[in-house]
Protein backbone atom coordinates (compact mmCIF):
# COMPACT_ATOMS: atom_id res chain seq x y z
CA MET A 1 10.43 19.30 -20.80
CA SER A 2 8.82 18.43 -17.50
CA ARG A 3 9.67 20.43 -14.38
CA LEU A 4 9.35 17.38 -12.13
CA LEU A 5 10.26 14.39 -14.29
CA SER A 6 13.79 13.65 -15.45
CA SER A 7 14.38 12.53 -19.02
CA GLU A 8 14.86 8.97 -17.67
CA GLU A 9 11.49 9.16 -15.92
CA ILE A 10 9.81 10.50 -19.06
CA GLN A 11 11.13 7.47 -20.91
CA ARG A 12 10.21 5.09 -18.05
CA TYR A 13 6.63 6.38 -17.84
CA SER A 14 6.15 6.99 -21.57
CA ARG A 15 3.14 4.66 -21.75
CA HIS A 16 1.42 6.59 -18.96
CA LEU A 17 2.21 9.87 -20.65
CA THR A 18 0.34 8.82 -23.78
CA LEU A 19 -2.84 8.15 -21.81
CA SER A 20 -5.15 11.16 -21.75
CA GLU A 21 -6.28 10.14 -18.24
CA VAL A 22 -2.69 10.41 -16.95
CA GLY A 23 -0.45 12.47 -19.23
CA MET A 24 2.40 14.62 -17.95
CA ALA A 25 0.30 16.35 -15.28
CA GLY A 26 -0.97 13.05 -13.91
CA GLN A 27 2.48 11.48 -13.83
CA GLU A 28 3.84 14.52 -12.02
CA ARG A 29 1.02 14.20 -9.47
CA LEU A 30 1.95 10.53 -8.99
CA LYS A 31 5.57 11.53 -8.38
CA GLN A 32 4.45 13.99 -5.70
CA SER A 33 2.08 11.46 -4.07
CA ARG A 34 2.54 9.77 -0.74
CA VAL A 35 1.02 6.35 -0.15
CA LEU A 36 1.08 4.36 3.07
CA LEU A 37 0.90 0.62 2.49
CA VAL A 38 -0.28 -1.31 5.54
CA GLY A 39 1.03 -4.87 5.24
CA SER A 40 3.40 -6.26 2.65
CA GLY A 41 2.13 -9.81 2.42
CA GLY A 42 -0.13 -11.50 -0.13
CA LEU A 43 -2.00 -8.29 -1.00
CA GLY A 44 0.52 -5.64 -0.02
CA SER A 45 3.30 -7.29 -1.97
CA PRO A 46 1.80 -6.81 -5.47
CA MET A 47 0.36 -3.44 -4.44
CA ALA A 48 3.85 -2.24 -3.50
CA LEU A 49 5.31 -3.43 -6.81
CA TYR A 50 2.64 -1.71 -8.88
CA LEU A 51 2.78 1.53 -6.89
CA ALA A 52 6.57 1.70 -7.30
CA ALA A 53 6.42 0.79 -10.99
CA ALA A 54 3.72 3.42 -11.60
CA GLY A 55 5.96 6.12 -10.14
CA VAL A 56 4.32 6.98 -6.83
CA GLY A 57 6.99 9.28 -5.39
CA TYR A 58 6.87 8.36 -1.71
CA LEU A 59 5.89 4.92 -0.49
CA THR A 60 5.80 4.05 3.21
CA VAL A 61 5.53 0.32 3.93
CA ILE A 62 4.62 -0.82 7.45
CA ASP A 63 4.87 -4.48 8.41
CA GLY A 64 6.41 -6.09 11.49
CA ASP A 65 6.68 -9.59 10.06
CA THR A 66 9.58 -11.57 8.59
CA VAL A 67 9.67 -13.47 5.31
CA ASP A 68 8.90 -17.18 5.68
CA HIS A 69 9.27 -19.99 3.13
CA SER A 70 5.48 -20.34 3.11
CA ASN A 71 5.19 -16.73 1.89
CA LEU A 72 7.16 -17.19 -1.31
CA GLN A 73 4.45 -18.75 -3.48
CA ARG A 74 2.09 -15.80 -3.08
CA GLN A 75 4.11 -12.82 -1.84
CA VAL A 76 5.82 -11.90 -5.09
CA LEU A 77 7.92 -9.11 -3.59
CA TYR A 78 10.23 -11.64 -1.92
CA ALA A 79 12.79 -14.22 -3.02
CA THR A 80 14.25 -17.30 -1.35
CA GLU A 81 17.26 -15.33 -0.08
CA ASP A 82 14.85 -13.04 1.83
CA VAL A 83 13.63 -15.82 4.15
CA GLY A 84 14.19 -14.74 7.76
CA ARG A 85 14.58 -11.05 6.90
CA LEU A 86 12.14 -8.36 7.92
CA LYS A 87 9.61 -7.98 5.13
CA VAL A 88 10.02 -4.22 4.99
CA GLU A 89 13.81 -4.48 4.59
CA ALA A 90 13.44 -6.97 1.74
CA ALA A 91 10.64 -4.83 0.27
CA LEU A 92 12.79 -1.71 0.34
CA GLN A 93 15.50 -3.40 -1.73
CA ALA A 94 13.05 -5.02 -4.14
CA LEU A 95 11.16 -1.77 -4.73
CA HIS A 96 14.37 0.15 -5.41
CA ARG A 97 15.25 -2.49 -8.01
CA VAL A 98 11.85 -1.94 -9.63
CA ASN A 99 12.12 1.86 -9.58
CA PRO A 100 15.07 3.71 -8.07
CA ASN A 101 13.17 7.01 -8.42
CA VAL A 102 10.68 6.08 -5.70
CA GLN A 103 11.50 7.01 -2.12
CA VAL A 104 10.60 4.09 0.14
CA GLU A 105 10.34 4.27 3.91
CA ALA A 106 10.33 0.93 5.70
CA VAL A 107 8.59 0.81 9.09
CA ALA A 108 9.39 -2.49 10.80
CA GLU A 109 6.49 -2.63 13.22
CA ARG A 110 2.81 -3.37 13.29
CA LEU A 111 0.28 -0.59 12.92
CA ASN A 112 -1.21 0.18 16.33
CA PRO A 113 -3.15 2.93 18.10
CA GLU A 114 0.10 4.56 19.26
CA ASN A 115 1.70 4.97 15.79
CA VAL A 116 -1.29 5.26 13.46
CA GLU A 117 -1.90 9.00 13.72
CA ALA A 118 1.70 9.97 12.99
CA LEU A 119 1.97 7.48 10.11
CA PHE A 120 -1.24 8.68 8.45
CA ALA A 121 -0.56 12.41 8.88
CA GLU A 122 1.67 12.99 5.83
CA GLN A 123 0.03 10.50 3.47
CA ASP A 124 -2.24 11.21 0.51
CA VAL A 125 -3.71 7.70 0.28
CA ILE A 126 -3.81 4.71 2.60
CA ALA A 127 -3.63 1.25 0.99
CA ASP A 128 -4.67 -1.57 3.32
CA GLY A 129 -3.34 -5.02 2.56
CA SER A 130 -3.54 -6.25 6.16
CA ASP A 131 -4.62 -9.77 7.00
CA ASN A 132 -6.57 -9.35 10.23
CA PHE A 133 -9.73 -7.58 11.32
CA ARG A 134 -8.20 -5.66 14.22
CA THR A 135 -5.81 -3.88 11.84
CA ARG A 136 -8.46 -3.45 9.15
CA TYR A 137 -10.77 -1.60 11.56
CA LEU A 138 -7.91 0.48 12.96
CA VAL A 139 -6.92 1.49 9.41
CA ASN A 140 -10.51 2.39 8.54
CA ASP A 141 -11.08 4.46 11.64
CA ALA A 142 -7.77 6.32 11.32
CA ALA A 143 -8.30 7.02 7.60
CA TYR A 144 -11.82 8.23 8.28
CA PHE A 145 -10.81 10.64 11.03
CA ALA A 146 -7.71 11.80 9.11
CA ARG A 147 -9.97 12.38 6.06
CA LYS A 148 -7.69 10.20 3.88
CA PRO A 149 -8.83 8.03 0.98
CA LEU A 150 -8.58 4.33 1.84
CA VAL A 151 -8.03 1.55 -0.68
CA SER A 152 -9.03 -1.61 1.15
CA ALA A 153 -8.23 -5.04 -0.25
CA SER A 154 -8.99 -8.45 1.17
CA LEU A 155 -9.07 -12.01 0.00
CA PHE A 156 -10.08 -15.46 1.05
CA GLN A 157 -8.86 -18.47 -0.91
CA PHE A 158 -9.78 -17.63 -4.54
CA GLN A 159 -12.04 -14.67 -3.81
CA GLY A 160 -10.92 -11.08 -3.60
CA GLN A 161 -12.54 -7.80 -2.71
CA LEU A 162 -11.34 -4.27 -3.38
CA SER A 163 -13.06 -1.14 -2.15
CA VAL A 164 -12.21 2.54 -2.13
CA PHE A 165 -13.52 4.59 0.77
CA HIS A 166 -13.15 8.35 0.62
CA PRO A 167 -14.45 10.24 3.65
CA ASN A 168 -14.65 13.49 1.66
CA SER A 169 -16.92 11.97 -1.00
CA GLY A 170 -19.97 11.48 1.21
CA GLY A 171 -19.87 7.72 0.70
CA PRO A 172 -19.69 5.04 3.37
CA CYS A 173 -16.59 3.87 5.23
CA TYR A 174 -15.61 0.25 5.90
CA ARG A 175 -17.18 0.37 9.38
CA CYS A 176 -20.37 1.79 7.86
CA LEU A 177 -20.72 -1.42 5.84
CA TYR A 178 -19.36 -3.82 8.47
CA SER A 179 -20.05 -2.25 11.85
CA ALA A 180 -18.05 -4.77 13.89
CA PRO A 181 -15.54 -7.53 13.21
CA PRO A 182 -16.94 -11.06 13.08
CA PRO A 183 -16.49 -13.23 16.14
CA ALA A 184 -13.06 -14.87 16.24
CA SER A 185 -14.70 -18.30 16.05
CA LEU A 186 -16.03 -17.48 12.57
CA VAL A 187 -12.79 -16.14 11.12
CA PRO A 188 -10.97 -18.69 8.94
CA THR A 189 -7.18 -18.80 8.95
């Protein structure tokens, strides 16, 4: 019997437990993990669902936006009755429905230079689903200086990009590849 997983969790994660790449030790590590999700929109929404379903033990979601009707066709974390609510409040409820074993902290504000250091301090991984360059560069810089792995996702229309930057691996960071944000006049909405 697992020291960290309840019998319900062993049943819930049974498919993970059969994978040699995960197994009991890996699932226990997931349960002890802390992930900060920046943004809970078109990218953050499915990331949050999968992280909760996989059994990440502590999930912090930061987003200062509210759910709008125009979000519903692509932000699968939300339902019609969530329109007008803070995204993080609706996310908290939806994620607990997906997996009540996951502890979710909802931060109803935008990431900024004043809160970034404290938010990143206790995290194991930073997952960036933000939708603007100012936040993307702030997330990169903070993850780099905090020595935290960064999973960075972005999309435009039907194209997506996913990168993992780990400052302890000797590889590049986001800013290493893209030294400065593009001019505002070149950024599509």
